[in-house]
Amino acid sequence: MTSQTYNSTHGVEAIISKVDQLAVLPHVVYKVLEISATCDAPIVEIERVITVDPGFSSKVLVVANSAAFGLPKKVVSVREAVAFLGFNSVRNIALTVGVFDFFVGKTDKESLRRREWWRHSVDTAVCAKWLAMETRRLRPDDAYTCGLLHLIGKTLLDRFGGHDYAEVASVKERAEVDDVEAERKVYGCDHTDVAVAITCKWGLPATLAAGLGYLTEPPDGEEYGVLRACTAVSAFVARTAKGTAPESETVPFWAMEQMMLHPDKMSSIVERGAQAIAESQLQF
């Protein structure tokens, strides 16, 4: 799936086996993805799937009523939320709610770093959706979902990898390597390896698995290379917009080329991506 030459199989398999036992996506998330893959899916279908789970429904409504959406009145049912926000917005809210619990930590330190990953994941998802709409190179919903999941491998490494993720920072400083190389030294794999593997294990669409390998250029002719490129550019834009990008980080030019974006337009893309993020501040 990716172009890495190191052997990550053992590390990934050890982590995925633990995830199998202890963590699964809510059933409603699977159904939302399945329904939304059909262009002519009736709105009533997504309403029915979400309302089967009262706890999940309430979380969806809390987010739908947040200031981020500026609804003219408070909504009290999923049907009203769909009516006011539309199918795609409610779909993305449901996915966001369903993934959030994976980023909850048991300690203050875990919570801090995982919430940082979560905030960046949501920002990247929003930026990816905007970029997909802007370029018309891929489906905005696919772009949003991939952006939302692109760091799920980090929290799974932290939860199931057998090492505190804080060790990655120590290795990074001592060995003078980047985050990804430090992850490989600590866990035997990196967060993209885990993300790709878990989406395949969960039976999620192949488009997501392809897009989650966003750190490396896809092989020539890969069917979903543009989704991988969108995730890469959006993650860069989200970090740059928030001022969290390392000074040494540069825009992935292969991804810009895949998205048919000119590098000279990068400052404008970052500015407009930051605006999209600011206008879509989801609160959790």
C-alpha atoms as a PDB file:
ATOM      1  CA  MET A   1       0.000   0.000   0.000  1.00  0.00           C
ATOM      2  CA  THR A   2       2.880   2.358   0.707  1.00  0.00           C
ATOM      3  CA  SER A   3       6.372   2.636  -0.727  1.00  0.00           C
ATOM      4  CA  GLN A   4       8.303   2.091   2.546  1.00  0.00           C
ATOM      5  CA  THR A   5      11.159  -0.374   2.215  1.00  0.00           C
ATOM      6  CA  TYR A   6      11.539  -1.222   5.907  1.00  0.00           C
ATOM      7  CA  ASN A   7       9.761  -4.256   7.357  1.00  0.00           C
ATOM      8  CA  SER A   8       6.865  -3.039   9.498  1.00  0.00           C
ATOM      9  CA  THR A   9       4.775  -6.206   9.372  1.00  0.00           C
ATOM     10  CA  HIS A  10       5.598  -7.570  12.832  1.00  0.00           C
ATOM     11  CA  GLY A  11       4.972  -4.279  14.643  1.00  0.00           C
ATOM     12  CA  VAL A  12       1.694  -3.680  12.840  1.00  0.00           C
ATOM     13  CA  GLU A  13       0.384  -7.204  13.424  1.00  0.00           C
ATOM     14  CA  ALA A  14       1.141  -7.017  17.153  1.00  0.00           C
ATOM     15  CA  ILE A  15      -0.780  -3.763  17.493  1.00  0.00           C
ATOM     16  CA  ILE A  16      -3.696  -4.757  15.286  1.00  0.00           C
ATOM     17  CA  SER A  17      -4.189  -7.980  17.270  1.00  0.00           C
ATOM     18  CA  LYS A  18      -4.680  -5.897  20.432  1.00  0.00           C
ATOM     19  CA  VAL A  19      -6.982  -3.454  18.666  1.00  0.00           C
ATOM     20  CA  ASP A  20      -9.078  -6.422  17.511  1.00  0.00           C
ATOM     21  CA  GLN A  21      -9.619  -7.421  21.106  1.00  0.00           C
ATOM     22  CA  LEU A  22     -10.167  -4.038  22.688  1.00  0.00           C
ATOM     23  CA  ALA A  23     -11.366  -1.433  20.193  1.00  0.00           C
ATOM     24  CA  VAL A  24     -13.862  -1.348  17.374  1.00  0.00           C
ATOM     25  CA  LEU A  25     -15.620   1.421  15.526  1.00  0.00           C
ATOM     26  CA  PRO A  26     -19.258   1.920  16.526  1.00  0.00           C
ATOM     27  CA  HIS A  27     -21.558  -0.107  14.273  1.00  0.00           C
ATOM     28  CA  VAL A  28     -23.339   3.088  13.257  1.00  0.00           C
ATOM     29  CA  VAL A  29     -20.121   4.403  11.685  1.00  0.00           C
ATOM     30  CA  TYR A  30     -19.915   1.368   9.415  1.00  0.00           C
ATOM     31  CA  LYS A  31     -23.516   1.868   8.370  1.00  0.00           C
ATOM     32  CA  VAL A  32     -23.051   5.591   7.743  1.00  0.00           C
ATOM     33  CA  LEU A  33     -20.082   4.846   5.485  1.00  0.00           C
ATOM     34  CA  GLU A  34     -22.014   2.115   3.683  1.00  0.00           C
ATOM     35  CA  ILE A  35     -25.053   4.316   3.086  1.00  0.00           C
ATOM     36  CA  SER A  36     -23.105   7.384   2.033  1.00  0.00           C
ATOM     37  CA  ALA A  37     -21.221   5.347  -0.571  1.00  0.00           C
ATOM     38  CA  THR A  38     -24.505   5.212  -2.496  1.00  0.00           C
ATOM     39  CA  CYS A  39     -25.167   8.507  -4.257  1.00  0.00           C
ATOM     40  CA  ASP A  40     -28.930   8.033  -4.296  1.00  0.00           C
ATOM     41  CA  ALA A  41     -29.249   6.935  -0.657  1.00  0.00           C
ATOM     42  CA  PRO A  42     -32.409   8.438   0.868  1.00  0.00           C
ATOM     43  CA  ILE A  43     -31.981  10.804   3.802  1.00  0.00           C
ATOM     44  CA  VAL A  44     -34.332   8.652   5.867  1.00  0.00           C
ATOM     45  CA  GLU A  45     -31.738   5.846   5.790  1.00  0.00           C
ATOM     46  CA  ILE A  46     -29.040   7.816   7.603  1.00  0.00           C
ATOM     47  CA  GLU A  47     -31.657   9.074  10.068  1.00  0.00           C
ATOM     48  CA  ARG A  48     -32.741   5.503  10.794  1.00  0.00           C
ATOM     49  CA  VAL A  49     -29.187   4.263  11.321  1.00  0.00           C
ATOM     50  CA  ILE A  50     -28.232   7.073  13.698  1.00  0.00           C
ATOM     51  CA  THR A  51     -31.425   7.002  15.766  1.00  0.00           C
ATOM     52  CA  VAL A  52     -31.048   3.283  16.521  1.00  0.00           C
ATOM     53  CA  ASP A  53     -28.397   4.315  19.075  1.00  0.00           C
ATOM     54  CA  PRO A  54     -29.853   6.933  21.475  1.00  0.00           C
ATOM     55  CA  GLY A  55     -26.471   7.788  23.000  1.00  0.00           C
ATOM     56  CA  PHE A  56     -24.904   8.292  19.606  1.00  0.00           C
ATOM     57  CA  SER A  57     -27.909  10.316  18.435  1.00  0.00           C
ATOM     58  CA  SER A  58     -27.566  12.683  21.380  1.00  0.00           C
ATOM     59  CA  LYS A  59     -23.887  13.273  20.623  1.00  0.00           C
ATOM     60  CA  VAL A  60     -24.708  14.013  16.985  1.00  0.00           C
ATOM     61  CA  LEU A  61     -27.355  16.522  18.061  1.00  0.00           C
ATOM     62  CA  VAL A  62     -24.992  18.252  20.498  1.00  0.00           C
ATOM     63  CA  VAL A  63     -22.493  18.814  17.690  1.00  0.00           C
ATOM     64  CA  ALA A  64     -25.207  19.808  15.212  1.00  0.00           C
ATOM     65  CA  ASN A  65     -26.394  22.446  17.681  1.00  0.00           C
ATOM     66  CA  SER A  66     -22.899  23.818  18.276  1.00  0.00           C
ATOM     67  CA  ALA A  67     -22.029  27.350  17.270  1.00  0.00           C
ATOM     68  CA  ALA A  68     -20.022  26.003  14.327  1.00  0.00           C
ATOM     69  CA  PHE A  69     -23.179  25.423  12.290  1.00  0.00           C
ATOM     70  CA  GLY A  70     -25.098  28.599  13.107  1.00  0.00           C
ATOM     71  CA  LEU A  71     -28.535  26.987  12.808  1.00  0.00           C
ATOM     72  CA  PRO A  72     -31.537  29.351  12.920  1.00  0.00           C
ATOM     73  CA  LYS A  73     -32.969  27.338  15.828  1.00  0.00           C
ATOM     74  CA  LYS A  74     -32.026  24.426  18.037  1.00  0.00           C
ATOM     75  CA  VAL A  75     -32.757  21.032  16.519  1.00  0.00           C
ATOM     76  CA  VAL A  76     -34.158  18.248  18.661  1.00  0.00           C
ATOM     77  CA  SER A  77     -34.082  15.324  16.260  1.00  0.00           C
ATOM     78  CA  VAL A  78     -31.743  13.821  13.689  1.00  0.00           C
ATOM     79  CA  ARG A  79     -34.454  14.419  11.079  1.00  0.00           C
ATOM     80  CA  GLU A  80     -34.392  18.146  11.817  1.00  0.00           C
ATOM     81  CA  ALA A  81     -30.595  18.149  11.719  1.00  0.00           C
ATOM     82  CA  VAL A  82     -30.643  16.534   8.287  1.00  0.00           C
ATOM     83  CA  ALA A  83     -33.294  18.996   7.103  1.00  0.00           C
ATOM     84  CA  PHE A  84     -31.286  22.036   8.213  1.00  0.00           C
ATOM     85  CA  LEU A  85     -27.743  20.824   7.567  1.00  0.00           C
ATOM     86  CA  GLY A  86     -28.151  18.345   4.737  1.00  0.00           C
ATOM     87  CA  PHE A  87     -27.155  14.704   4.310  1.00  0.00           C
ATOM     88  CA  ASN A  88     -23.418  15.284   3.882  1.00  0.00           C
ATOM     89  CA  SER A  89     -22.999  17.498   6.949  1.00  0.00           C
ATOM     90  CA  VAL A  90     -24.860  15.062   9.205  1.00  0.00           C
ATOM     91  CA  ARG A  91     -22.819  12.182   7.757  1.00  0.00           C
ATOM     92  CA  ASN A  92     -19.569  13.963   8.619  1.00  0.00           C
ATOM     93  CA  ILE A  93     -20.822  14.837  12.101  1.00  0.00           C
ATOM     94  CA  ALA A  94     -21.710  11.184  12.704  1.00  0.00           C
ATOM     95  CA  LEU A  95     -18.281  10.020  11.563  1.00  0.00           C
ATOM     96  CA  THR A  96     -16.568  12.652  13.694  1.00  0.00           C
ATOM     97  CA  VAL A  97     -18.542  11.659  16.795  1.00  0.00           C
ATOM     98  CA  GLY A  98     -17.848   7.973  16.131  1.00  0.00           C
ATOM     99  CA  VAL A  99     -14.086   8.407  15.880  1.00  0.00           C
ATOM    100  CA  PHE A 100     -13.658  10.836  18.798  1.00  0.00           C
ATOM    101  CA  ASP A 101     -13.517   8.192  21.562  1.00  0.00           C
ATOM    102  CA  PHE A 102     -10.346   6.747  20.070  1.00  0.00           C
ATOM    103  CA  PHE A 103      -8.557   9.958  21.019  1.00  0.00           C
ATOM    104  CA  VAL A 104      -9.547  10.016  24.699  1.00  0.00           C
ATOM    105  CA  GLY A 105      -6.650   9.470  27.119  1.00  0.00           C
ATOM    106  CA  LYS A 106      -6.669   7.985  30.618  1.00  0.00           C
ATOM    107  CA  THR A 107      -4.057  10.366  32.023  1.00  0.00           C
ATOM    108  CA  ASP A 108      -3.578  14.109  31.719  1.00  0.00           C
ATOM    109  CA  LYS A 109      -0.531  13.647  29.491  1.00  0.00           C
ATOM    110  CA  GLU A 110      -2.323  11.163  27.255  1.00  0.00           C
ATOM    111  CA  SER A 111      -5.355  13.423  27.010  1.00  0.00           C
ATOM    112  CA  LEU A 112      -3.232  16.432  26.101  1.00  0.00           C
ATOM    113  CA  ARG A 113      -1.338  14.827  23.237  1.00  0.00           C
ATOM    114  CA  ARG A 114      -4.328  12.874  21.936  1.00  0.00           C
ATOM    115  CA  ARG A 115      -6.511  15.980  21.949  1.00  0.00           C
ATOM    116  CA  GLU A 116      -3.808  17.758  19.962  1.00  0.00           C
ATOM    117  CA  TRP A 117      -3.907  14.898  17.453  1.00  0.00           C
ATOM    118  CA  TRP A 118      -7.691  15.076  17.434  1.00  0.00           C
ATOM    119  CA  ARG A 119      -7.779  18.821  16.859  1.00  0.00           C
ATOM    120  CA  HIS A 120      -5.331  18.442  13.986  1.00  0.00           C
ATOM    121  CA  SER A 121      -7.364  15.537  12.553  1.00  0.00           C
ATOM    122  CA  VAL A 122     -10.551  17.598  12.494  1.00  0.00           C
ATOM    123  CA  ASP A 123      -8.735  20.619  11.045  1.00  0.00           C
ATOM    124  CA  THR A 124      -7.231  18.413   8.337  1.00  0.00           C
ATOM    125  CA  ALA A 125     -10.644  16.893   7.576  1.00  0.00           C
ATOM    126  CA  VAL A 126     -12.231  20.332   7.187  1.00  0.00           C
ATOM    127  CA  CYS A 127      -9.357  21.517   5.023  1.00  0.00           C
ATOM    128  CA  ALA A 128      -9.490  18.344   2.896  1.00  0.00           C
ATOM    129  CA  LYS A 129     -13.202  18.781   2.281  1.00  0.00           C
ATOM    130  CA  TRP A 130     -12.654  22.414   1.276  1.00  0.00           C
ATOM    131  CA  LEU A 131      -9.737  21.469  -0.997  1.00  0.00           C
ATOM    132  CA  ALA A 132     -11.760  18.711  -2.670  1.00  0.00           C
ATOM    133  CA  MET A 133     -14.583  21.144  -3.374  1.00  0.00           C
ATOM    134  CA  GLU A 134     -12.134  23.753  -4.622  1.00  0.00           C
ATOM    135  CA  THR A 135     -10.250  21.470  -7.012  1.00  0.00           C
ATOM    136  CA  ARG A 136     -13.090  19.088  -7.920  1.00  0.00           C
ATOM    137  CA  ARG A 137     -10.535  16.316  -8.027  1.00  0.00           C
ATOM    138  CA  LEU A 138     -12.328  13.961  -5.608  1.00  0.00           C
ATOM    139  CA  ARG A 139     -15.453  13.535  -3.500  1.00  0.00           C
ATOM    140  CA  PRO A 140     -15.495  15.985  -0.573  1.00  0.00           C
ATOM    141  CA  ASP A 141     -16.930  13.330   1.756  1.00  0.00           C
ATOM    142  CA  ASP A 142     -14.086  10.911   1.000  1.00  0.00           C
ATOM    143  CA  ALA A 143     -11.568  13.701   1.574  1.00  0.00           C
ATOM    144  CA  TYR A 144     -13.168  14.609   4.920  1.00  0.00           C
ATOM    145  CA  THR A 145     -13.187  11.022   6.179  1.00  0.00           C
ATOM    146  CA  CYS A 146      -9.582  10.402   5.219  1.00  0.00           C
ATOM    147  CA  GLY A 147      -8.454  13.626   6.875  1.00  0.00           C
ATOM    148  CA  LEU A 148     -10.361  12.687  10.011  1.00  0.00           C
ATOM    149  CA  LEU A 149      -8.691   9.258  10.224  1.00  0.00           C
ATOM    150  CA  HIS A 150      -5.171  10.135   9.103  1.00  0.00           C
ATOM    151  CA  LEU A 151      -3.755  10.252  12.666  1.00  0.00           C
ATOM    152  CA  ILE A 152      -5.760   7.383  14.131  1.00  0.00           C
ATOM    153  CA  GLY A 153      -2.603   5.276  13.917  1.00  0.00           C
ATOM    154  CA  LYS A 154      -0.903   7.558  16.465  1.00  0.00           C
ATOM    155  CA  THR A 155      -3.498   7.000  19.147  1.00  0.00           C
ATOM    156  CA  LEU A 156      -3.517   3.252  18.426  1.00  0.00           C
ATOM    157  CA  LEU A 157       0.270   3.176  18.774  1.00  0.00           C
ATOM    158  CA  ASP A 158      -0.082   5.035  22.055  1.00  0.00           C
ATOM    159  CA  ARG A 159      -2.844   2.761  23.376  1.00  0.00           C
ATOM    160  CA  PHE A 160      -1.743  -0.638  22.110  1.00  0.00           C
ATOM    161  CA  GLY A 161       1.917  -0.366  21.071  1.00  0.00           C
ATOM    162  CA  GLY A 162       3.404  -1.376  24.408  1.00  0.00           C
ATOM    163  CA  HIS A 163       5.280   1.915  24.829  1.00  0.00           C
ATOM    164  CA  ASP A 164       4.290   5.359  26.035  1.00  0.00           C
ATOM    165  CA  TYR A 165       4.196   7.596  22.949  1.00  0.00           C
ATOM    166  CA  ALA A 166       6.343  10.071  24.896  1.00  0.00           C
ATOM    167  CA  GLU A 167       9.264   7.786  24.009  1.00  0.00           C
ATOM    168  CA  VAL A 168       8.890   8.921  20.397  1.00  0.00           C
ATOM    169  CA  ALA A 169       9.776  12.488  21.373  1.00  0.00           C
ATOM    170  CA  SER A 170      12.827  11.260  23.288  1.00  0.00           C
ATOM    171  CA  VAL A 171      14.069   9.166  20.369  1.00  0.00           C
ATOM    172  CA  LYS A 172      13.388  12.013  17.971  1.00  0.00           C
ATOM    173  CA  GLU A 173      15.587  14.352  20.003  1.00  0.00           C
ATOM    174  CA  ARG A 174      18.382  11.859  20.664  1.00  0.00           C
ATOM    175  CA  ALA A 175      18.593  10.456  17.145  1.00  0.00           C
ATOM    176  CA  GLU A 176      17.761  13.737  15.375  1.00  0.00           C
ATOM    177  CA  VAL A 177      15.052  12.118  13.255  1.00  0.00           C
ATOM    178  CA  ASP A 178      11.498  13.107  12.411  1.00  0.00           C
ATOM    179  CA  ASP A 179       8.348  11.810  14.121  1.00  0.00           C
ATOM    180  CA  VAL A 180       7.809   9.005  11.620  1.00  0.00           C
ATOM    181  CA  GLU A 181      11.320   7.604  11.867  1.00  0.00           C
ATOM    182  CA  ALA A 182      11.135   7.844  15.659  1.00  0.00           C
ATOM    183  CA  GLU A 183       7.852   5.886  15.624  1.00  0.00           C
ATOM    184  CA  ARG A 184       9.524   3.171  13.585  1.00  0.00           C
ATOM    185  CA  LYS A 185      12.385   2.947  16.073  1.00  0.00           C
ATOM    186  CA  VAL A 186      10.046   2.703  19.069  1.00  0.00           C
ATOM    187  CA  TYR A 187       7.211   0.578  17.651  1.00  0.00           C
ATOM    188  CA  GLY A 188       8.664  -1.112  14.558  1.00  0.00           C
ATOM    189  CA  CYS A 189       6.131   0.696  12.358  1.00  0.00           C
ATOM    190  CA  ASP A 190       4.690   4.180  11.943  1.00  0.00           C
ATOM    191  CA  HIS A 191       1.212   5.617  12.360  1.00  0.00           C
ATOM    192  CA  THR A 192       0.357   5.357   8.666  1.00  0.00           C
ATOM    193  CA  ASP A 193       1.164   1.630   8.652  1.00  0.00           C
ATOM    194  CA  VAL A 194      -1.258   1.152  11.537  1.00  0.00           C
ATOM    195  CA  ALA A 195      -3.958   3.388  10.049  1.00  0.00           C
ATOM    196  CA  VAL A 196      -3.897   1.554   6.725  1.00  0.00           C
ATOM    197  CA  ALA A 197      -3.927  -1.844   8.436  1.00  0.00           C
ATOM    198  CA  ILE A 198      -6.778  -1.068  10.808  1.00  0.00           C
ATOM    199  CA  THR A 199      -9.049   0.363   8.108  1.00  0.00           C
ATOM    200  CA  CYS A 200      -8.469  -2.794   6.068  1.00  0.00           C
ATOM    201  CA  LYS A 201      -9.128  -4.959   9.144  1.00  0.00           C
ATOM    202  CA  TRP A 202     -12.330  -3.061   9.892  1.00  0.00           C
ATOM    203  CA  GLY A 203     -13.483  -3.576   6.309  1.00  0.00           C
ATOM    204  CA  LEU A 204     -13.645   0.128   5.484  1.00  0.00           C
ATOM    205  CA  PRO A 205     -13.507   1.222   1.822  1.00  0.00           C
ATOM    206  CA  ALA A 206     -10.263   0.734  -0.105  1.00  0.00           C
ATOM    207  CA  THR A 207     -10.297   4.443  -0.900  1.00  0.00           C
ATOM    208  CA  LEU A 208      -9.588   5.220   2.766  1.00  0.00           C
ATOM    209  CA  ALA A 209      -6.722   2.753   3.057  1.00  0.00           C
ATOM    210  CA  ALA A 210      -5.100   4.292  -0.014  1.00  0.00           C
ATOM    211  CA  GLY A 211      -5.510   7.826   1.260  1.00  0.00           C
ATOM    212  CA  LEU A 212      -4.131   7.084   4.711  1.00  0.00           C
ATOM    213  CA  GLY A 213      -0.695   6.301   3.300  1.00  0.00           C
ATOM    214  CA  TYR A 214      -0.356  10.064   2.908  1.00  0.00           C
ATOM    215  CA  LEU A 215       3.328  10.306   3.872  1.00  0.00           C
ATOM    216  CA  THR A 216       4.595   8.679   0.696  1.00  0.00           C
ATOM    217  CA  GLU A 217       4.004   9.239  -2.982  1.00  0.00           C
ATOM    218  CA  PRO A 218       1.676   6.589  -4.426  1.00  0.00           C
ATOM    219  CA  PRO A 219       2.881   4.173  -7.099  1.00  0.00           C
ATOM    220  CA  ASP A 220       2.237   5.242 -10.669  1.00  0.00           C
ATOM    221  CA  GLY A 221      -1.316   4.539 -11.695  1.00  0.00           C
ATOM    222  CA  GLU A 222      -2.714   3.979  -8.184  1.00  0.00           C
ATOM    223  CA  GLU A 223      -6.455   4.424  -8.476  1.00  0.00           C
ATOM    224  CA  TYR A 224      -6.862   6.524  -5.354  1.00  0.00           C
ATOM    225  CA  GLY A 225      -3.600   8.469  -5.459  1.00  0.00           C
ATOM    226  CA  VAL A 226      -5.430  11.784  -5.532  1.00  0.00           C
ATOM    227  CA  LEU A 227      -7.017  11.024  -2.137  1.00  0.00           C
ATOM    228  CA  ARG A 228      -3.595  10.338  -0.663  1.00  0.00           C
ATOM    229  CA  ALA A 229      -2.373  13.599  -2.151  1.00  0.00           C
ATOM    230  CA  CYS A 230      -5.326  15.549  -0.779  1.00  0.00           C
ATOM    231  CA  THR A 231      -4.664  14.196   2.716  1.00  0.00           C
ATOM    232  CA  ALA A 232      -0.984  15.106   2.483  1.00  0.00           C
ATOM    233  CA  VAL A 233      -1.621  18.670   1.336  1.00  0.00           C
ATOM    234  CA  SER A 234      -4.442  19.198   3.839  1.00  0.00           C
ATOM    235  CA  ALA A 235      -2.363  17.966   6.777  1.00  0.00           C
ATOM    236  CA  PHE A 236       0.412  20.360   5.765  1.00  0.00           C
ATOM    237  CA  VAL A 237      -2.026  23.265   5.378  1.00  0.00           C
ATOM    238  CA  ALA A 238      -3.650  22.552   8.760  1.00  0.00           C
ATOM    239  CA  ARG A 239      -0.287  22.497  10.543  1.00  0.00           C
ATOM    240  CA  THR A 240       0.924  25.612   8.766  1.00  0.00           C
ATOM    241  CA  ALA A 241      -2.314  27.491   9.416  1.00  0.00           C
ATOM    242  CA  LYS A 242      -2.047  26.740  13.142  1.00  0.00           C
ATOM    243  CA  GLY A 243       1.687  27.450  13.287  1.00  0.00           C
ATOM    244  CA  THR A 244       2.551  23.906  14.389  1.00  0.00           C
ATOM    245  CA  ALA A 245       4.514  22.857  11.290  1.00  0.00           C
ATOM    246  CA  PRO A 246       8.248  22.284  11.940  1.00  0.00           C
ATOM    247  CA  GLU A 247      10.500  24.859  10.286  1.00  0.00           C
ATOM    248  CA  SER A 248      12.067  22.115   8.167  1.00  0.00           C
ATOM    249  CA  GLU A 249       8.704  20.918   6.803  1.00  0.00           C
ATOM    250  CA  THR A 250       7.958  21.728   3.194  1.00  0.00           C
ATOM    251  CA  VAL A 251       4.877  21.200   1.084  1.00  0.00           C
ATOM    252  CA  PRO A 252       4.798  17.700  -0.481  1.00  0.00           C
ATOM    253  CA  PHE A 253       5.293  18.658  -4.123  1.00  0.00           C
ATOM    254  CA  TRP A 254       4.227  15.232  -5.429  1.00  0.00           C
ATOM    255  CA  ALA A 255       0.884  15.799  -3.713  1.00  0.00           C
ATOM    256  CA  MET A 256       0.549  19.298  -5.126  1.00  0.00           C
ATOM    257  CA  GLU A 257       1.158  17.852  -8.587  1.00  0.00           C
ATOM    258  CA  GLN A 258      -1.463  15.120  -8.052  1.00  0.00           C
ATOM    259  CA  MET A 259      -3.966  17.771  -6.972  1.00  0.00           C
ATOM    260  CA  MET A 260      -3.009  20.003  -9.918  1.00  0.00           C
ATOM    261  CA  LEU A 261      -2.036  22.819  -7.549  1.00  0.00           C
ATOM    262  CA  HIS A 262       0.803  25.178  -8.405  1.00  0.00           C
ATOM    263  CA  PRO A 263       3.399  25.559  -5.609  1.00  0.00           C
ATOM    264  CA  ASP A 264       3.358  29.332  -6.084  1.00  0.00           C
ATOM    265  CA  LYS A 265      -0.241  29.300  -4.852  1.00  0.00           C
ATOM    266  CA  MET A 266       0.664  27.648  -1.537  1.00  0.00           C
ATOM    267  CA  SER A 267       0.430  30.796   0.585  1.00  0.00           C
ATOM    268  CA  SER A 268      -3.054  31.477  -0.770  1.00  0.00           C
ATOM    269  CA  ILE A 269      -4.077  27.859  -0.165  1.00  0.00           C
ATOM    270  CA  VAL A 270      -2.879  28.041   3.440  1.00  0.00           C
ATOM    271  CA  GLU A 271      -4.738  31.306   4.001  1.00  0.00           C
ATOM    272  CA  ARG A 272      -8.000  30.009   2.571  1.00  0.00           C
ATOM    273  CA  GLY A 273      -7.600  26.646   4.303  1.00  0.00           C
ATOM    274  CA  ALA A 274      -7.137  28.473   7.604  1.00  0.00           C
ATOM    275  CA  GLN A 275     -10.325  30.396   6.920  1.00  0.00           C
ATOM    276  CA  ALA A 276     -12.236  27.155   6.278  1.00  0.00           C
ATOM    277  CA  ILE A 277     -10.915  25.725   9.547  1.00  0.00           C
ATOM    278  CA  ALA A 278     -11.862  28.874  11.487  1.00  0.00           C
ATOM    279  CA  GLU A 279     -15.386  28.772  10.108  1.00  0.00           C
ATOM    280  CA  SER A 280     -15.892  25.119  11.069  1.00  0.00           C
ATOM    281  CA  GLN A 281     -14.700  24.946  14.652  1.00  0.00           C
ATOM    282  CA  LEU A 282     -16.334  21.788  16.002  1.00  0.00           C
ATOM    283  CA  GLN A 283     -16.225  21.598  19.782  1.00  0.00           C
ATOM    284  CA  PHE A 284     -15.629  18.327  21.662  1.00  0.00           C
END
